[in-house]
Amino acid sequence: MANGRWTTSNKAVYNIGYHLIWCPKYRRKVLVNAVAERLKELLCEKAASIGAHIESMEVLPDHVHLFVKAPPTLPAHYIVQQLKGYSSHELRKEFPKLKSRLPTLWTRSYYCESVGHISQATIRRYIDLQKNQ
């Protein structure tokens, strides 16, 4: 259950967030109008089905930004794989024009950064102070 900053399960208390970014192949500006709206729906649908939650999303014509919260059992690469694969399959089926413009919808690469409430400096300081106690 979510409790403000933390989420709890029967074995863990966690706050794991990822900033994810990826682009269409050749950075083509195909994420517009109905494609962009449908992409948002598909990403939310798939995230929920794998147990992740999209906190924030921005779909620009040539790339996607997501802030995703997930349990510790879902690695970032799995989340990206599932979101990109599902959305590509469904969008190319629903919008055949995408097939003619691109050999695949997404590039193979992505950007991922873990996001937390506490800064790296705070964590380092806390760990260093443990030695003195």
N, C-alpha and C. Protein backbone atom coordinates (compact mmCIF):
# COMPACT_ATOMS: atom_id res chain seq x y z
N MET A 1 0.84 -1.19 0.00
CA MET A 1 0.00 0.00 0.00
C MET A 1 0.88 1.25 0.00
N ALA A 2 0.47 2.22 -0.75
CA ALA A 2 1.21 3.47 -0.79
C ALA A 2 0.92 4.29 0.47
N ASN A 3 1.97 4.85 1.05
CA ASN A 3 1.82 5.66 2.25
C ASN A 3 2.69 6.90 2.07
N GLY A 4 2.21 7.85 1.28
CA GLY A 4 3.01 9.04 1.01
C GLY A 4 4.23 8.70 0.18
N ARG A 5 5.37 8.86 0.78
CA ARG A 5 6.64 8.65 0.08
C ARG A 5 6.96 7.18 -0.12
N TRP A 6 6.59 6.33 0.81
CA TRP A 6 6.97 4.92 0.76
C TRP A 6 5.81 4.04 0.33
N THR A 7 6.18 2.89 -0.21
CA THR A 7 5.22 1.84 -0.52
C THR A 7 5.65 0.63 0.30
N THR A 8 4.69 -0.10 0.82
CA THR A 8 5.02 -1.28 1.61
C THR A 8 4.42 -2.52 0.98
N SER A 9 5.14 -3.61 1.15
CA SER A 9 4.62 -4.92 0.78
C SER A 9 4.78 -5.78 2.03
N ASN A 10 4.50 -7.08 1.91
CA ASN A 10 4.65 -7.93 3.10
C ASN A 10 6.11 -8.17 3.47
N LYS A 11 7.05 -7.80 2.58
CA LYS A 11 8.47 -8.05 2.88
C LYS A 11 9.36 -6.82 2.79
N ALA A 12 8.83 -5.70 2.31
CA ALA A 12 9.71 -4.55 2.09
C ALA A 12 8.97 -3.23 2.22
N VAL A 13 9.74 -2.21 2.52
CA VAL A 13 9.29 -0.83 2.45
C VAL A 13 10.21 -0.18 1.43
N TYR A 14 9.64 0.49 0.43
CA TYR A 14 10.49 0.99 -0.64
C TYR A 14 9.95 2.27 -1.26
N ASN A 15 10.86 2.95 -1.92
CA ASN A 15 10.55 4.16 -2.68
C ASN A 15 11.50 4.15 -3.88
N ILE A 16 11.09 3.47 -4.94
CA ILE A 16 11.94 3.32 -6.12
C ILE A 16 11.28 4.02 -7.30
N GLY A 17 12.00 4.96 -7.87
CA GLY A 17 11.50 5.67 -9.03
C GLY A 17 12.55 5.74 -10.11
N TYR A 18 12.10 5.73 -11.35
CA TYR A 18 13.01 5.82 -12.49
C TYR A 18 12.57 6.93 -13.42
N HIS A 19 13.52 7.71 -13.89
CA HIS A 19 13.28 8.65 -14.98
C HIS A 19 13.72 7.92 -16.24
N LEU A 20 12.79 7.68 -17.14
CA LEU A 20 13.07 6.93 -18.37
C LEU A 20 12.82 7.82 -19.58
N ILE A 21 13.70 7.70 -20.56
CA ILE A 21 13.54 8.45 -21.81
C ILE A 21 13.90 7.52 -22.96
N TRP A 22 13.11 7.54 -24.02
CA TRP A 22 13.49 6.84 -25.25
C TRP A 22 12.87 7.55 -26.45
N CYS A 23 13.38 7.21 -27.64
CA CYS A 23 13.01 7.91 -28.87
C CYS A 23 12.54 6.93 -29.94
N PRO A 24 11.74 7.45 -30.87
CA PRO A 24 11.44 6.64 -32.05
C PRO A 24 12.70 6.46 -32.90
N LYS A 25 12.69 5.42 -33.69
CA LYS A 25 13.82 5.15 -34.59
C LYS A 25 14.08 6.40 -35.44
N TYR A 26 15.33 6.71 -35.63
CA TYR A 26 15.80 7.88 -36.40
C TYR A 26 15.30 9.21 -35.81
N ARG A 27 14.83 9.16 -34.59
CA ARG A 27 14.28 10.34 -33.90
C ARG A 27 13.21 11.05 -34.73
N ARG A 28 12.45 10.25 -35.46
CA ARG A 28 11.37 10.78 -36.29
C ARG A 28 10.28 11.37 -35.40
N LYS A 29 9.67 12.43 -35.86
CA LYS A 29 8.62 13.13 -35.09
C LYS A 29 7.25 12.52 -35.41
N VAL A 30 7.06 11.29 -34.94
CA VAL A 30 5.82 10.56 -35.22
C VAL A 30 4.87 10.50 -34.03
N LEU A 31 5.31 10.97 -32.87
CA LEU A 31 4.48 10.88 -31.66
C LEU A 31 3.64 12.15 -31.52
N VAL A 32 2.68 12.29 -32.41
CA VAL A 32 1.83 13.48 -32.45
C VAL A 32 0.36 13.06 -32.54
N ASN A 33 -0.51 13.98 -32.15
CA ASN A 33 -1.96 13.83 -32.27
C ASN A 33 -2.47 12.51 -31.71
N ALA A 34 -3.19 11.74 -32.52
CA ALA A 34 -3.82 10.50 -32.05
C ALA A 34 -2.78 9.47 -31.61
N VAL A 35 -1.63 9.44 -32.26
CA VAL A 35 -0.57 8.49 -31.89
C VAL A 35 -0.08 8.80 -30.47
N ALA A 36 0.14 10.06 -30.17
CA ALA A 36 0.62 10.45 -28.84
C ALA A 36 -0.42 10.13 -27.77
N GLU A 37 -1.68 10.42 -28.04
CA GLU A 37 -2.73 10.14 -27.06
C GLU A 37 -2.87 8.64 -26.81
N ARG A 38 -2.83 7.86 -27.88
CA ARG A 38 -2.95 6.42 -27.72
C ARG A 38 -1.73 5.85 -27.00
N LEU A 39 -0.54 6.39 -27.29
CA LEU A 39 0.67 5.96 -26.62
C LEU A 39 0.54 6.15 -25.10
N LYS A 40 0.03 7.28 -24.67
CA LYS A 40 -0.15 7.54 -23.24
C LYS A 40 -1.05 6.48 -22.60
N GLU A 41 -2.15 6.16 -23.29
CA GLU A 41 -3.07 5.14 -22.77
C GLU A 41 -2.39 3.79 -22.67
N LEU A 42 -1.66 3.42 -23.73
CA LEU A 42 -1.00 2.11 -23.76
C LEU A 42 0.07 1.99 -22.68
N LEU A 43 0.85 3.04 -22.49
CA LEU A 43 1.90 3.00 -21.47
C LEU A 43 1.31 2.85 -20.07
N CYS A 44 0.24 3.58 -19.78
CA CYS A 44 -0.41 3.46 -18.46
C CYS A 44 -0.99 2.07 -18.27
N GLU A 45 -1.62 1.55 -19.32
CA GLU A 45 -2.22 0.21 -19.28
C GLU A 45 -1.17 -0.85 -19.00
N LYS A 46 -0.06 -0.80 -19.74
CA LYS A 46 0.99 -1.82 -19.57
C LYS A 46 1.70 -1.68 -18.23
N ALA A 47 1.97 -0.45 -17.82
CA ALA A 47 2.62 -0.24 -16.52
C ALA A 47 1.79 -0.87 -15.41
N ALA A 48 0.50 -0.63 -15.43
CA ALA A 48 -0.39 -1.20 -14.40
C ALA A 48 -0.37 -2.72 -14.45
N SER A 49 -0.33 -3.29 -15.65
CA SER A 49 -0.38 -4.75 -15.77
C SER A 49 0.89 -5.43 -15.25
N ILE A 50 2.02 -4.72 -15.25
CA ILE A 50 3.26 -5.33 -14.73
C ILE A 50 3.54 -4.91 -13.29
N GLY A 51 2.71 -4.06 -12.72
CA GLY A 51 2.88 -3.68 -11.32
C GLY A 51 3.64 -2.40 -11.10
N ALA A 52 3.82 -1.61 -12.14
CA ALA A 52 4.49 -0.31 -12.02
C ALA A 52 3.43 0.79 -12.10
N HIS A 53 3.83 2.01 -11.75
CA HIS A 53 2.90 3.14 -11.81
C HIS A 53 3.61 4.33 -12.45
N ILE A 54 2.99 4.91 -13.46
CA ILE A 54 3.56 6.09 -14.10
C ILE A 54 3.09 7.32 -13.33
N GLU A 55 4.03 7.96 -12.66
CA GLU A 55 3.73 9.15 -11.86
C GLU A 55 3.58 10.38 -12.74
N SER A 56 4.41 10.44 -13.79
CA SER A 56 4.42 11.60 -14.67
C SER A 56 4.86 11.15 -16.05
N MET A 57 4.27 11.78 -17.08
CA MET A 57 4.60 11.38 -18.45
C MET A 57 4.50 12.59 -19.36
N GLU A 58 5.44 12.69 -20.28
CA GLU A 58 5.38 13.71 -21.32
C GLU A 58 5.77 13.05 -22.63
N VAL A 59 4.87 13.11 -23.60
CA VAL A 59 5.15 12.57 -24.93
C VAL A 59 5.38 13.74 -25.86
N LEU A 60 6.60 13.86 -26.33
CA LEU A 60 6.98 14.90 -27.28
C LEU A 60 7.03 14.26 -28.67
N PRO A 61 7.03 15.04 -29.74
CA PRO A 61 7.00 14.43 -31.08
C PRO A 61 8.12 13.43 -31.35
N ASP A 62 9.30 13.63 -30.73
CA ASP A 62 10.42 12.74 -31.04
C ASP A 62 11.02 12.02 -29.84
N HIS A 63 10.37 12.07 -28.69
CA HIS A 63 10.82 11.27 -27.54
C HIS A 63 9.77 11.25 -26.42
N VAL A 64 9.99 10.33 -25.49
CA VAL A 64 9.06 10.11 -24.38
C VAL A 64 9.83 10.26 -23.06
N HIS A 65 9.25 10.98 -22.11
CA HIS A 65 9.78 11.09 -20.75
C HIS A 65 8.79 10.44 -19.80
N LEU A 66 9.27 9.57 -18.91
CA LEU A 66 8.41 8.96 -17.91
C LEU A 66 9.08 9.03 -16.54
N PHE A 67 8.27 9.22 -15.52
CA PHE A 67 8.71 9.02 -14.15
C PHE A 67 7.88 7.86 -13.63
N VAL A 68 8.53 6.72 -13.43
CA VAL A 68 7.86 5.48 -13.08
C VAL A 68 8.25 5.05 -11.68
N LYS A 69 7.27 4.69 -10.87
CA LYS A 69 7.51 4.10 -9.55
C LYS A 69 7.27 2.60 -9.69
N ALA A 70 8.13 1.80 -9.07
CA ALA A 70 8.03 0.35 -9.22
C ALA A 70 8.49 -0.36 -7.96
N PRO A 71 8.01 -1.58 -7.77
CA PRO A 71 8.51 -2.37 -6.64
C PRO A 71 9.94 -2.85 -6.91
N PRO A 72 10.67 -3.26 -5.88
CA PRO A 72 12.05 -3.69 -6.07
C PRO A 72 12.19 -4.96 -6.91
N THR A 73 11.10 -5.65 -7.15
CA THR A 73 11.14 -6.88 -7.97
C THR A 73 11.10 -6.59 -9.46
N LEU A 74 10.90 -5.32 -9.85
CA LEU A 74 10.85 -4.95 -11.27
C LEU A 74 12.08 -4.14 -11.65
N PRO A 75 13.05 -4.75 -12.32
CA PRO A 75 14.22 -3.98 -12.75
C PRO A 75 13.85 -2.99 -13.87
N ALA A 76 14.60 -1.92 -13.94
CA ALA A 76 14.33 -0.87 -14.93
C ALA A 76 14.33 -1.41 -16.35
N HIS A 77 15.28 -2.28 -16.68
CA HIS A 77 15.35 -2.78 -18.05
C HIS A 77 14.10 -3.57 -18.42
N TYR A 78 13.52 -4.28 -17.46
CA TYR A 78 12.29 -5.03 -17.71
C TYR A 78 11.12 -4.08 -17.96
N ILE A 79 11.03 -3.03 -17.17
CA ILE A 79 9.97 -2.04 -17.34
C ILE A 79 10.04 -1.42 -18.73
N VAL A 80 11.23 -0.99 -19.12
CA VAL A 80 11.41 -0.37 -20.44
C VAL A 80 11.07 -1.37 -21.54
N GLN A 81 11.57 -2.59 -21.43
CA GLN A 81 11.31 -3.62 -22.43
C GLN A 81 9.80 -3.83 -22.60
N GLN A 82 9.09 -3.94 -21.51
CA GLN A 82 7.65 -4.17 -21.56
C GLN A 82 6.90 -2.97 -22.15
N LEU A 83 7.24 -1.78 -21.72
CA LEU A 83 6.56 -0.59 -22.22
C LEU A 83 6.83 -0.34 -23.69
N LYS A 84 8.08 -0.46 -24.09
CA LYS A 84 8.42 -0.23 -25.50
C LYS A 84 7.85 -1.32 -26.40
N GLY A 85 7.98 -2.57 -25.98
CA GLY A 85 7.49 -3.67 -26.81
C GLY A 85 5.99 -3.64 -27.01
N TYR A 86 5.26 -3.47 -25.92
CA TYR A 86 3.80 -3.45 -26.00
C TYR A 86 3.30 -2.25 -26.81
N SER A 87 3.85 -1.07 -26.52
CA SER A 87 3.39 0.12 -27.23
C SER A 87 3.72 0.06 -28.72
N SER A 88 4.88 -0.44 -29.05
CA SER A 88 5.26 -0.57 -30.46
C SER A 88 4.30 -1.51 -31.19
N HIS A 89 4.07 -2.65 -30.61
CA HIS A 89 3.19 -3.65 -31.23
C HIS A 89 1.79 -3.07 -31.48
N GLU A 90 1.23 -2.45 -30.45
CA GLU A 90 -0.13 -1.93 -30.55
C GLU A 90 -0.23 -0.71 -31.47
N LEU A 91 0.71 0.21 -31.36
CA LEU A 91 0.66 1.41 -32.21
C LEU A 91 0.85 1.07 -33.68
N ARG A 92 1.75 0.17 -33.99
CA ARG A 92 1.97 -0.20 -35.39
C ARG A 92 0.78 -0.96 -35.96
N LYS A 93 0.05 -1.65 -35.09
CA LYS A 93 -1.16 -2.35 -35.53
C LYS A 93 -2.28 -1.33 -35.79
N GLU A 94 -2.42 -0.35 -34.90
CA GLU A 94 -3.50 0.63 -35.00
C GLU A 94 -3.23 1.76 -35.99
N PHE A 95 -1.96 2.06 -36.21
CA PHE A 95 -1.57 3.14 -37.12
C PHE A 95 -0.61 2.59 -38.18
N PRO A 96 -1.13 1.97 -39.24
CA PRO A 96 -0.27 1.34 -40.25
C PRO A 96 0.76 2.28 -40.89
N LYS A 97 0.47 3.58 -40.87
CA LYS A 97 1.43 4.55 -41.43
C LYS A 97 2.79 4.46 -40.73
N LEU A 98 2.79 4.09 -39.45
CA LEU A 98 4.06 3.96 -38.71
C LEU A 98 4.93 2.86 -39.30
N LYS A 99 4.32 1.81 -39.83
CA LYS A 99 5.09 0.71 -40.43
C LYS A 99 5.83 1.17 -41.68
N SER A 100 5.20 2.04 -42.45
CA SER A 100 5.83 2.48 -43.69
C SER A 100 6.95 3.49 -43.45
N ARG A 101 6.86 4.23 -42.34
CA ARG A 101 7.88 5.25 -42.05
C ARG A 101 9.08 4.72 -41.29
N LEU A 102 8.88 3.64 -40.54
CA LEU A 102 9.94 3.15 -39.66
C LEU A 102 10.03 1.63 -39.69
N PRO A 103 11.24 1.09 -39.73
CA PRO A 103 11.37 -0.38 -39.68
C PRO A 103 10.96 -0.94 -38.32
N THR A 104 11.23 -0.19 -37.26
CA THR A 104 10.74 -0.50 -35.91
C THR A 104 10.35 0.85 -35.31
N LEU A 105 9.45 0.84 -34.35
CA LEU A 105 9.00 2.13 -33.80
C LEU A 105 10.07 2.77 -32.94
N TRP A 106 10.70 2.00 -32.04
CA TRP A 106 11.63 2.57 -31.07
C TRP A 106 13.08 2.21 -31.39
N THR A 107 13.99 3.08 -30.97
CA THR A 107 15.41 2.73 -31.01
C THR A 107 15.64 1.64 -29.96
N ARG A 108 16.77 0.97 -30.03
CA ARG A 108 17.06 -0.06 -29.03
C ARG A 108 17.55 0.54 -27.72
N SER A 109 17.96 1.78 -27.75
CA SER A 109 18.54 2.39 -26.55
C SER A 109 17.48 3.13 -25.73
N TYR A 110 17.87 3.49 -24.51
CA TYR A 110 17.02 4.30 -23.63
C TYR A 110 17.91 4.92 -22.57
N TYR A 111 17.36 5.91 -21.90
CA TYR A 111 18.04 6.56 -20.78
C TYR A 111 17.29 6.18 -19.51
N CYS A 112 18.02 5.87 -18.47
CA CYS A 112 17.40 5.53 -17.19
C CYS A 112 18.22 6.14 -16.06
N GLU A 113 17.53 6.80 -15.15
CA GLU A 113 18.18 7.32 -13.95
C GLU A 113 17.28 7.00 -12.77
N SER A 114 17.87 6.46 -11.72
CA SER A 114 17.08 6.21 -10.53
C SER A 114 16.84 7.55 -9.84
N VAL A 115 15.65 7.68 -9.29
CA VAL A 115 15.25 8.93 -8.67
C VAL A 115 14.79 8.61 -7.26
N GLY A 116 15.32 9.36 -6.31
CA GLY A 116 14.94 9.14 -4.92
C GLY A 116 14.70 10.43 -4.19
N HIS A 117 14.17 10.30 -3.02
CA HIS A 117 13.86 11.46 -2.20
C HIS A 117 15.11 12.02 -1.52
N ILE A 118 16.09 11.15 -1.31
CA ILE A 118 17.30 11.53 -0.60
C ILE A 118 18.46 11.64 -1.60
N SER A 119 19.26 12.65 -1.47
CA SER A 119 20.36 12.86 -2.40
C SER A 119 21.51 11.88 -2.14
N GLN A 120 22.37 11.73 -3.14
CA GLN A 120 23.55 10.88 -2.99
C GLN A 120 24.43 11.36 -1.84
N ALA A 121 24.59 12.66 -1.74
CA ALA A 121 25.44 13.22 -0.68
C ALA A 121 24.89 12.86 0.70
N THR A 122 23.59 12.93 0.87
CA THR A 122 22.97 12.59 2.15
C THR A 122 23.20 11.13 2.50
N ILE A 123 23.05 10.25 1.52
CA ILE A 123 23.26 8.81 1.75
C ILE A 123 24.71 8.55 2.12
N ARG A 124 25.65 9.14 1.39
CA ARG A 124 27.08 8.95 1.71
C ARG A 124 27.39 9.43 3.13
N ARG A 125 26.87 10.59 3.49
CA ARG A 125 27.10 11.15 4.82
C ARG A 125 26.52 10.21 5.89
N TYR A 126 25.31 9.71 5.66
CA TYR A 126 24.68 8.80 6.61
C TYR A 126 25.50 7.53 6.80
N ILE A 127 25.98 6.94 5.71
CA ILE A 127 26.78 5.72 5.79
C ILE A 127 28.10 5.99 6.50
N ASP A 128 28.74 7.11 6.16
CA ASP A 128 30.01 7.46 6.81
C ASP A 128 29.82 7.65 8.32
N LEU A 129 28.70 8.24 8.72
CA LEU A 129 28.44 8.47 10.15
C LEU A 129 28.18 7.17 10.90
N GLN A 130 27.80 6.11 10.20
CA GLN A 130 27.53 4.83 10.86
C GLN A 130 28.80 4.25 11.47
N LYS A 131 29.95 4.53 10.84
CA LYS A 131 31.23 4.03 11.35
C LYS A 131 31.54 4.58 12.73
N ASN A 132 31.10 5.79 12.99
CA ASN A 132 31.43 6.48 14.25
C ASN A 132 30.48 6.15 15.39
N GLN A 133 29.48 5.35 15.14
CA GLN A 133 28.52 5.07 16.20
C GLN A 133 28.81 3.79 16.91
